[in-house]
Every structure is written in C-alpha cells, then in structure tokens.
C-alpha cells in the first residue's frame, strides 16, 4: 500500500513543483506571483496502515506569501498528542491576507512561528 501511495504522492508533488516554478517565474507587483500568493499543500489523512485515516501529525507545506511576511525555510513540529488545530494555520493565512477576524472554526489562535 505504501508503494502505491508513494507513486500517487510523487505525481502530486511533481505537479506542485511545476505550479510553484511557474508562480516564481512570473513577475508581479515588484516581485513574483509566488510572493503574492499563498499555496497550502497537505497530504491526505491516510496513515499508510491498511488505509486507516488519522488526523494526527499530517505533513503540511505552505509556500509563497513573502509579501505578507510568511517565514520560510523552516520546519515547525508539534507534539502529536497536543498539537494546535489545523484551523490555526488557516486563521494565520486569512489574517495575513487582510481579513480582520480572530476566529476560524476551531482555531485557538494563530500559528506561532509561521509569520
């Protein structure tokens, strides 16, 4: 099962690479289109064990958004049992894009270290 998941994941990451490369090579507003775009990419919830699903410890990539002050080149890791909800990432993103809100689904705040 993991071998098949690897083939699918490789296909998706290759497509993501093409997309991000296009955004990076396109000039826009004194920077690149990638600077003015936030792209969030995450895995499915498949744990690789007999097709089981788990919402814990999901890898997530956030690319672009330099114009909004996102910090890149880092890996943020959280305790698998006491991690912030995914909604914290989404709340951080919408606030950086200028949406004035302090709430988003089950967010407990913004994600520390992302911006």
C-alpha atoms as a PDB file:
ATOM      1  CA  UNK A   1       0.000   0.000   0.000  1.00  0.00           C
ATOM      2  CA  UNK A   2       2.812   2.443   0.844  1.00  0.00           C
ATOM      3  CA  UNK A   3       4.426   1.856  -2.552  1.00  0.00           C
ATOM      4  CA  UNK A   4       1.173   2.788  -4.317  1.00  0.00           C
ATOM      5  CA  UNK A   5       0.733   5.849  -2.101  1.00  0.00           C
ATOM      6  CA  UNK A   6       4.305   6.859  -2.953  1.00  0.00           C
ATOM      7  CA  UNK A   7       3.523   6.805  -6.684  1.00  0.00           C
ATOM      8  CA  UNK A   8       0.457   8.994  -6.194  1.00  0.00           C
ATOM      9  CA  UNK A   9       2.301  11.385  -3.864  1.00  0.00           C
ATOM     10  CA  UNK A  10       5.194  11.700  -6.341  1.00  0.00           C
ATOM     11  CA  UNK A  11       2.737  12.652  -9.102  1.00  0.00           C
ATOM     12  CA  UNK A  12       1.117  15.339  -6.940  1.00  0.00           C
ATOM     13  CA  UNK A  13       4.422  16.796  -5.726  1.00  0.00           C
ATOM     14  CA  UNK A  14       5.709  16.954  -9.316  1.00  0.00           C
ATOM     15  CA  UNK A  15       2.596  18.903 -10.337  1.00  0.00           C
ATOM     16  CA  UNK A  16       3.020  21.181  -7.304  1.00  0.00           C
ATOM     17  CA  UNK A  17       6.636  21.826  -8.299  1.00  0.00           C
ATOM     18  CA  UNK A  18       5.573  22.861 -11.822  1.00  0.00           C
ATOM     19  CA  UNK A  19       2.930  25.200 -10.395  1.00  0.00           C
ATOM     20  CA  UNK A  20       5.273  26.832  -7.853  1.00  0.00           C
ATOM     21  CA  UNK A  21       8.004  27.208 -10.501  1.00  0.00           C
ATOM     22  CA  UNK A  22       5.510  28.971 -12.778  1.00  0.00           C
ATOM     23  CA  UNK A  23       4.459  31.338  -9.978  1.00  0.00           C
ATOM     24  CA  UNK A  24       8.103  32.057  -9.083  1.00  0.00           C
ATOM     25  CA  UNK A  25       8.999  32.859 -12.709  1.00  0.00           C
ATOM     26  CA  UNK A  26       6.050  35.234 -13.257  1.00  0.00           C
ATOM     27  CA  UNK A  27       6.748  38.890 -12.407  1.00  0.00           C
ATOM     28  CA  UNK A  28       4.040  40.729 -10.494  1.00  0.00           C
ATOM     29  CA  UNK A  29       3.829  43.883  -8.369  1.00  0.00           C
ATOM     30  CA  UNK A  30       7.534  44.394  -7.722  1.00  0.00           C
ATOM     31  CA  UNK A  31       8.136  40.728  -7.021  1.00  0.00           C
ATOM     32  CA  UNK A  32       6.873  37.426  -8.306  1.00  0.00           C
ATOM     33  CA  UNK A  33       3.426  35.950  -8.392  1.00  0.00           C
ATOM     34  CA  UNK A  34       4.598  33.470  -5.727  1.00  0.00           C
ATOM     35  CA  UNK A  35       5.384  36.401  -3.403  1.00  0.00           C
ATOM     36  CA  UNK A  36       1.746  37.486  -3.690  1.00  0.00           C
ATOM     37  CA  UNK A  37       0.204  34.016  -3.485  1.00  0.00           C
ATOM     38  CA  UNK A  38      -0.077  31.542  -0.634  1.00  0.00           C
ATOM     39  CA  UNK A  39      -0.196  27.890  -1.589  1.00  0.00           C
ATOM     40  CA  UNK A  40      -1.020  25.329   1.060  1.00  0.00           C
ATOM     41  CA  UNK A  41      -0.374  21.689   0.240  1.00  0.00           C
ATOM     42  CA  UNK A  42      -1.064  18.804   2.551  1.00  0.00           C
ATOM     43  CA  UNK A  43      -1.209  15.077   2.475  1.00  0.00           C
ATOM     44  CA  UNK A  44      -4.303  13.001   2.684  1.00  0.00           C
ATOM     45  CA  UNK A  45      -5.226  11.500   6.003  1.00  0.00           C
ATOM     46  CA  UNK A  46      -4.023   8.016   5.040  1.00  0.00           C
ATOM     47  CA  UNK A  47      -1.687   6.664   7.690  1.00  0.00           C
ATOM     48  CA  UNK A  48      -0.339   4.036   5.291  1.00  0.00           C
ATOM     49  CA  UNK A  49      -1.569   1.265   7.557  1.00  0.00           C
ATOM     50  CA  UNK A  50      -4.285  -0.714   5.785  1.00  0.00           C
ATOM     51  CA  UNK A  51      -5.871   2.502   4.526  1.00  0.00           C
ATOM     52  CA  UNK A  52      -6.583   3.796   8.020  1.00  0.00           C
ATOM     53  CA  UNK A  53      -7.141   7.518   8.387  1.00  0.00           C
ATOM     54  CA  UNK A  54      -5.680   9.714  11.096  1.00  0.00           C
ATOM     55  CA  UNK A  55      -5.894  13.498  11.590  1.00  0.00           C
ATOM     56  CA  UNK A  56      -2.660  13.468  13.634  1.00  0.00           C
ATOM     57  CA  UNK A  57       0.770  14.600  12.521  1.00  0.00           C
ATOM     58  CA  UNK A  58      -0.213  15.437   8.934  1.00  0.00           C
ATOM     59  CA  UNK A  59       2.566  16.998   6.875  1.00  0.00           C
ATOM     60  CA  UNK A  60       1.648  20.418   5.515  1.00  0.00           C
ATOM     61  CA  UNK A  61       3.583  22.728   3.213  1.00  0.00           C
ATOM     62  CA  UNK A  62       2.929  26.455   2.927  1.00  0.00           C
ATOM     63  CA  UNK A  63       4.677  28.157   0.023  1.00  0.00           C
ATOM     64  CA  UNK A  64       4.757  31.765  -1.160  1.00  0.00           C
ATOM     65  CA  UNK A  65       3.291  34.699   0.676  1.00  0.00           C
ATOM     66  CA  UNK A  66       6.558  36.592   1.152  1.00  0.00           C
ATOM     67  CA  UNK A  67       4.649  39.831   0.521  1.00  0.00           C
ATOM     68  CA  UNK A  68       2.570  39.035   3.625  1.00  0.00           C
ATOM     69  CA  UNK A  69       5.551  38.224   5.814  1.00  0.00           C
ATOM     70  CA  UNK A  70       5.428  34.439   5.938  1.00  0.00           C
ATOM     71  CA  UNK A  71       8.626  32.870   7.264  1.00  0.00           C
ATOM     72  CA  UNK A  72      10.088  30.159   5.061  1.00  0.00           C
ATOM     73  CA  UNK A  73      12.945  27.693   5.232  1.00  0.00           C
ATOM     74  CA  UNK A  74      11.816  26.123   8.472  1.00  0.00           C
ATOM     75  CA  UNK A  75      10.092  23.062   9.793  1.00  0.00           C
ATOM     76  CA  UNK A  76       7.508  23.573  12.515  1.00  0.00           C
ATOM     77  CA  UNK A  77       6.899  20.409  14.507  1.00  0.00           C
ATOM     78  CA  UNK A  78       4.264  19.975  17.190  1.00  0.00           C
ATOM     79  CA  UNK A  79       3.554  17.365  19.824  1.00  0.00           C
ATOM     80  CA  UNK A  80       1.474  14.660  18.162  1.00  0.00           C
ATOM     81  CA  UNK A  81      -0.951  14.468  21.073  1.00  0.00           C
ATOM     82  CA  UNK A  82      -1.132  18.180  21.977  1.00  0.00           C
ATOM     83  CA  UNK A  83      -0.879  19.921  18.621  1.00  0.00           C
ATOM     84  CA  UNK A  84      -2.658  23.110  17.551  1.00  0.00           C
ATOM     85  CA  UNK A  85      -5.682  22.611  15.301  1.00  0.00           C
ATOM     86  CA  UNK A  86      -5.236  22.979  11.540  1.00  0.00           C
ATOM     87  CA  UNK A  87      -7.613  25.941  11.753  1.00  0.00           C
ATOM     88  CA  UNK A  88      -4.774  27.906  13.423  1.00  0.00           C
ATOM     89  CA  UNK A  89      -2.846  27.755  10.134  1.00  0.00           C
ATOM     90  CA  UNK A  90      -5.909  28.893   8.205  1.00  0.00           C
ATOM     91  CA  UNK A  91      -6.596  31.727  10.655  1.00  0.00           C
ATOM     92  CA  UNK A  92      -2.993  32.908  10.276  1.00  0.00           C
ATOM     93  CA  UNK A  93      -3.323  32.876   6.485  1.00  0.00           C
ATOM     94  CA  UNK A  94      -6.589  34.827   6.342  1.00  0.00           C
ATOM     95  CA  UNK A  95      -5.307  37.424   8.814  1.00  0.00           C
ATOM     96  CA  UNK A  96      -2.136  37.913   6.742  1.00  0.00           C
ATOM     97  CA  UNK A  97      -4.337  38.443   3.695  1.00  0.00           C
ATOM     98  CA  UNK A  98      -6.072  41.299   5.485  1.00  0.00           C
ATOM     99  CA  UNK A  99      -9.231  39.624   6.747  1.00  0.00           C
ATOM    100  CA  UNK A 100      -9.967  41.158  10.135  1.00  0.00           C
ATOM    101  CA  UNK A 101     -11.100  38.219  12.213  1.00  0.00           C
ATOM    102  CA  UNK A 102      -9.942  36.468  15.345  1.00  0.00           C
ATOM    103  CA  UNK A 103     -11.975  33.329  14.756  1.00  0.00           C
ATOM    104  CA  UNK A 104     -11.955  30.490  12.264  1.00  0.00           C
ATOM    105  CA  UNK A 105     -13.691  27.191  13.016  1.00  0.00           C
ATOM    106  CA  UNK A 106     -11.924  25.574  15.997  1.00  0.00           C
ATOM    107  CA  UNK A 107      -8.806  27.795  15.906  1.00  0.00           C
ATOM    108  CA  UNK A 108      -7.306  28.607  19.277  1.00  0.00           C
ATOM    109  CA  UNK A 109      -5.212  31.445  17.813  1.00  0.00           C
ATOM    110  CA  UNK A 110      -2.673  31.997  15.077  1.00  0.00           C
ATOM    111  CA  UNK A 111       0.156  29.561  14.480  1.00  0.00           C
ATOM    112  CA  UNK A 112       3.291  30.730  16.267  1.00  0.00           C
ATOM    113  CA  UNK A 113       6.374  30.818  14.058  1.00  0.00           C
ATOM    114  CA  UNK A 114       4.558  30.937  10.717  1.00  0.00           C
ATOM    115  CA  UNK A 115       4.650  34.685  10.274  1.00  0.00           C
END
